[in-house]
Amino acid sequence: MSEVSDRTRKVIAGLLKVPVEKVTDEANFVRDLGMESIQSVELIAALEEEFDCEIDEDRAQGNDTVGKAVAYMEELLG
């Protein structure tokens, strides 16, 4: 697992108050992790702070699984 992947998963787990073991590639933010709509905005802000970057909200909103979010962050950060 890459450093970006590991850090992204920890941010997600912390925000959603779930064990990091539940934050798998296949986990759906809403269905599996119980994310509410306001938390998607909070997650974007938390990831921007963690990685000191700017995230395209429209593009990020399309990431419905942890794996897609991790892939987006890895692509964004090169």
N, C-alpha and C. Protein backbone atom coordinates (compact mmCIF):
# COMPACT_ATOMS: atom_id res chain seq x y z
N MET A 1 0.85 -1.18 0.00
CA MET A 1 0.00 0.00 0.00
C MET A 1 0.90 1.24 0.00
N SER A 2 0.57 2.21 -0.85
CA SER A 2 1.38 3.42 -0.95
C SER A 2 1.13 4.34 0.24
N GLU A 3 2.02 5.29 0.41
CA GLU A 3 1.86 6.27 1.49
C GLU A 3 0.59 7.09 1.28
N VAL A 4 0.32 7.48 0.04
CA VAL A 4 -0.89 8.25 -0.27
C VAL A 4 -2.13 7.43 0.10
N SER A 5 -2.13 6.17 -0.27
CA SER A 5 -3.25 5.28 0.03
C SER A 5 -3.45 5.16 1.53
N ASP A 6 -2.38 4.93 2.25
CA ASP A 6 -2.44 4.75 3.70
C ASP A 6 -2.96 6.02 4.38
N ARG A 7 -2.44 7.16 4.00
CA ARG A 7 -2.87 8.43 4.60
C ARG A 7 -4.32 8.74 4.26
N THR A 8 -4.72 8.47 3.01
CA THR A 8 -6.10 8.72 2.59
C THR A 8 -7.06 7.87 3.42
N ARG A 9 -6.74 6.60 3.59
CA ARG A 9 -7.58 5.68 4.36
C ARG A 9 -7.70 6.13 5.82
N LYS A 10 -6.61 6.61 6.39
CA LYS A 10 -6.64 7.07 7.79
C LYS A 10 -7.52 8.31 7.93
N VAL A 11 -7.46 9.22 6.96
CA VAL A 11 -8.31 10.41 6.99
C VAL A 11 -9.78 10.00 6.92
N ILE A 12 -10.09 9.09 6.00
CA ILE A 12 -11.47 8.60 5.84
C ILE A 12 -11.95 7.95 7.13
N ALA A 13 -11.14 7.06 7.68
CA ALA A 13 -11.52 6.35 8.92
C ALA A 13 -11.75 7.34 10.06
N GLY A 14 -10.88 8.32 10.19
CA GLY A 14 -11.02 9.30 11.26
C GLY A 14 -12.27 10.15 11.11
N LEU A 15 -12.53 10.60 9.90
CA LEU A 15 -13.70 11.45 9.67
C LEU A 15 -15.00 10.69 9.91
N LEU A 16 -15.04 9.45 9.43
CA LEU A 16 -16.28 8.66 9.53
C LEU A 16 -16.36 7.85 10.82
N LYS A 17 -15.32 7.92 11.62
CA LYS A 17 -15.27 7.21 12.90
C LYS A 17 -15.54 5.71 12.74
N VAL A 18 -14.79 5.12 11.79
CA VAL A 18 -14.86 3.68 11.56
C VAL A 18 -13.44 3.12 11.66
N PRO A 19 -13.31 1.84 11.99
CA PRO A 19 -11.97 1.24 12.04
C PRO A 19 -11.34 1.28 10.64
N VAL A 20 -10.05 1.56 10.60
CA VAL A 20 -9.35 1.66 9.31
C VAL A 20 -9.46 0.34 8.52
N GLU A 21 -9.66 -0.78 9.22
CA GLU A 21 -9.80 -2.07 8.55
C GLU A 21 -11.06 -2.13 7.67
N LYS A 22 -12.07 -1.32 8.01
CA LYS A 22 -13.30 -1.28 7.21
C LYS A 22 -13.13 -0.44 5.94
N VAL A 23 -12.07 0.35 5.89
CA VAL A 23 -11.85 1.28 4.77
C VAL A 23 -11.07 0.55 3.68
N THR A 24 -11.78 -0.34 2.98
CA THR A 24 -11.19 -1.15 1.92
C THR A 24 -11.48 -0.52 0.56
N ASP A 25 -10.77 -0.96 -0.47
CA ASP A 25 -10.98 -0.43 -1.82
C ASP A 25 -12.43 -0.55 -2.26
N GLU A 26 -13.08 -1.64 -1.90
CA GLU A 26 -14.45 -1.91 -2.35
C GLU A 26 -15.51 -1.18 -1.53
N ALA A 27 -15.13 -0.63 -0.38
CA ALA A 27 -16.10 -0.02 0.52
C ALA A 27 -16.74 1.21 -0.12
N ASN A 28 -18.08 1.20 -0.16
CA ASN A 28 -18.85 2.33 -0.67
C ASN A 28 -19.02 3.31 0.49
N PHE A 29 -18.77 4.59 0.21
CA PHE A 29 -18.82 5.59 1.28
C PHE A 29 -20.16 5.63 1.99
N VAL A 30 -21.25 5.60 1.24
CA VAL A 30 -22.59 5.71 1.84
C VAL A 30 -23.07 4.37 2.37
N ARG A 31 -23.08 3.38 1.52
CA ARG A 31 -23.66 2.07 1.85
C ARG A 31 -22.85 1.33 2.92
N ASP A 32 -21.54 1.32 2.79
CA ASP A 32 -20.71 0.52 3.70
C ASP A 32 -20.15 1.30 4.89
N LEU A 33 -19.90 2.60 4.69
CA LEU A 33 -19.24 3.38 5.74
C LEU A 33 -20.16 4.40 6.39
N GLY A 34 -21.40 4.52 5.90
CA GLY A 34 -22.39 5.38 6.53
C GLY A 34 -22.17 6.88 6.35
N MET A 35 -21.47 7.26 5.28
CA MET A 35 -21.20 8.67 5.04
C MET A 35 -22.50 9.42 4.72
N GLU A 36 -22.65 10.59 5.32
CA GLU A 36 -23.77 11.48 5.02
C GLU A 36 -23.27 12.55 4.05
N SER A 37 -24.20 13.20 3.34
CA SER A 37 -23.81 14.13 2.28
C SER A 37 -22.87 15.24 2.76
N ILE A 38 -23.11 15.80 3.93
CA ILE A 38 -22.25 16.88 4.43
C ILE A 38 -20.83 16.37 4.66
N GLN A 39 -20.70 15.10 4.99
CA GLN A 39 -19.37 14.54 5.26
C GLN A 39 -18.53 14.44 4.00
N SER A 40 -19.15 14.40 2.83
CA SER A 40 -18.35 14.36 1.60
C SER A 40 -17.58 15.67 1.43
N VAL A 41 -18.22 16.78 1.79
CA VAL A 41 -17.54 18.08 1.74
C VAL A 41 -16.44 18.14 2.80
N GLU A 42 -16.74 17.62 3.98
CA GLU A 42 -15.76 17.59 5.06
C GLU A 42 -14.56 16.72 4.69
N LEU A 43 -14.83 15.62 3.99
CA LEU A 43 -13.74 14.72 3.57
C LEU A 43 -12.81 15.42 2.58
N ILE A 44 -13.39 16.14 1.64
CA ILE A 44 -12.57 16.87 0.67
C ILE A 44 -11.68 17.87 1.40
N ALA A 45 -12.25 18.60 2.33
CA ALA A 45 -11.47 19.57 3.11
C ALA A 45 -10.37 18.89 3.92
N ALA A 46 -10.69 17.76 4.52
CA ALA A 46 -9.70 17.03 5.33
C ALA A 46 -8.55 16.50 4.46
N LEU A 47 -8.88 16.01 3.27
CA LEU A 47 -7.82 15.52 2.37
C LEU A 47 -6.98 16.67 1.83
N GLU A 48 -7.61 17.81 1.55
CA GLU A 48 -6.84 18.97 1.10
C GLU A 48 -5.86 19.40 2.19
N GLU A 49 -6.30 19.36 3.43
CA GLU A 49 -5.43 19.73 4.54
C GLU A 49 -4.31 18.70 4.73
N GLU A 50 -4.66 17.43 4.70
CA GLU A 50 -3.68 16.35 4.89
C GLU A 50 -2.57 16.42 3.85
N PHE A 51 -2.93 16.68 2.60
CA PHE A 51 -1.96 16.62 1.51
C PHE A 51 -1.54 18.00 1.00
N ASP A 52 -2.06 19.07 1.61
CA ASP A 52 -1.74 20.43 1.19
C ASP A 52 -1.90 20.58 -0.32
N CYS A 53 -3.14 20.30 -0.78
CA CYS A 53 -3.44 20.35 -2.21
C CYS A 53 -4.84 20.90 -2.41
N GLU A 54 -5.21 21.11 -3.67
CA GLU A 54 -6.56 21.57 -3.98
C GLU A 54 -7.26 20.47 -4.78
N ILE A 55 -8.44 20.09 -4.33
CA ILE A 55 -9.21 19.00 -4.95
C ILE A 55 -10.37 19.58 -5.73
N ASP A 56 -10.57 19.08 -6.94
CA ASP A 56 -11.71 19.47 -7.77
C ASP A 56 -12.95 18.79 -7.18
N GLU A 57 -13.82 19.59 -6.54
CA GLU A 57 -14.99 19.03 -5.85
C GLU A 57 -15.90 18.23 -6.76
N ASP A 58 -16.15 18.75 -7.97
CA ASP A 58 -17.04 18.05 -8.90
C ASP A 58 -16.49 16.68 -9.26
N ARG A 59 -15.21 16.61 -9.52
CA ARG A 59 -14.59 15.33 -9.87
C ARG A 59 -14.55 14.39 -8.66
N ALA A 60 -14.24 14.94 -7.51
CA ALA A 60 -14.14 14.12 -6.30
C ALA A 60 -15.48 13.55 -5.88
N GLN A 61 -16.57 14.28 -6.11
CA GLN A 61 -17.90 13.82 -5.71
C GLN A 61 -18.27 12.52 -6.45
N GLY A 62 -17.68 12.26 -7.58
CA GLY A 62 -17.98 11.05 -8.34
C GLY A 62 -17.31 9.80 -7.78
N ASN A 63 -16.45 9.96 -6.81
CA ASN A 63 -15.76 8.83 -6.21
C ASN A 63 -16.63 8.23 -5.12
N ASP A 64 -17.33 7.14 -5.45
CA ASP A 64 -18.26 6.55 -4.49
C ASP A 64 -17.67 5.44 -3.65
N THR A 65 -16.45 5.01 -3.99
CA THR A 65 -15.78 3.98 -3.20
C THR A 65 -14.42 4.49 -2.72
N VAL A 66 -13.91 3.85 -1.70
CA VAL A 66 -12.60 4.21 -1.18
C VAL A 66 -11.53 4.02 -2.26
N GLY A 67 -11.61 2.93 -3.01
CA GLY A 67 -10.62 2.67 -4.06
C GLY A 67 -10.57 3.78 -5.09
N LYS A 68 -11.73 4.30 -5.48
CA LYS A 68 -11.77 5.40 -6.45
C LYS A 68 -11.18 6.67 -5.85
N ALA A 69 -11.46 6.91 -4.59
CA ALA A 69 -10.92 8.10 -3.92
C ALA A 69 -9.40 8.01 -3.80
N VAL A 70 -8.90 6.84 -3.46
CA VAL A 70 -7.45 6.64 -3.35
C VAL A 70 -6.80 6.83 -4.72
N ALA A 71 -7.39 6.25 -5.76
CA ALA A 71 -6.85 6.38 -7.11
C ALA A 71 -6.82 7.85 -7.53
N TYR A 72 -7.88 8.59 -7.21
CA TYR A 72 -7.92 10.02 -7.53
C TYR A 72 -6.79 10.76 -6.82
N MET A 73 -6.61 10.49 -5.54
CA MET A 73 -5.56 11.18 -4.79
C MET A 73 -4.17 10.83 -5.33
N GLU A 74 -3.96 9.57 -5.68
CA GLU A 74 -2.66 9.17 -6.23
C GLU A 74 -2.41 9.86 -7.56
N GLU A 75 -3.45 9.97 -8.39
CA GLU A 75 -3.32 10.66 -9.67
C GLU A 75 -3.05 12.14 -9.46
N LEU A 76 -3.78 12.76 -8.54
CA LEU A 76 -3.65 14.18 -8.26
C LEU A 76 -2.24 14.53 -7.76
N LEU A 77 -1.71 13.66 -6.92
CA LEU A 77 -0.42 13.95 -6.29
C LEU A 77 0.76 13.42 -7.07
N GLY A 78 0.46 12.71 -8.17
CA GLY A 78 1.53 12.22 -9.03
C GLY A 78 2.26 11.07 -8.43
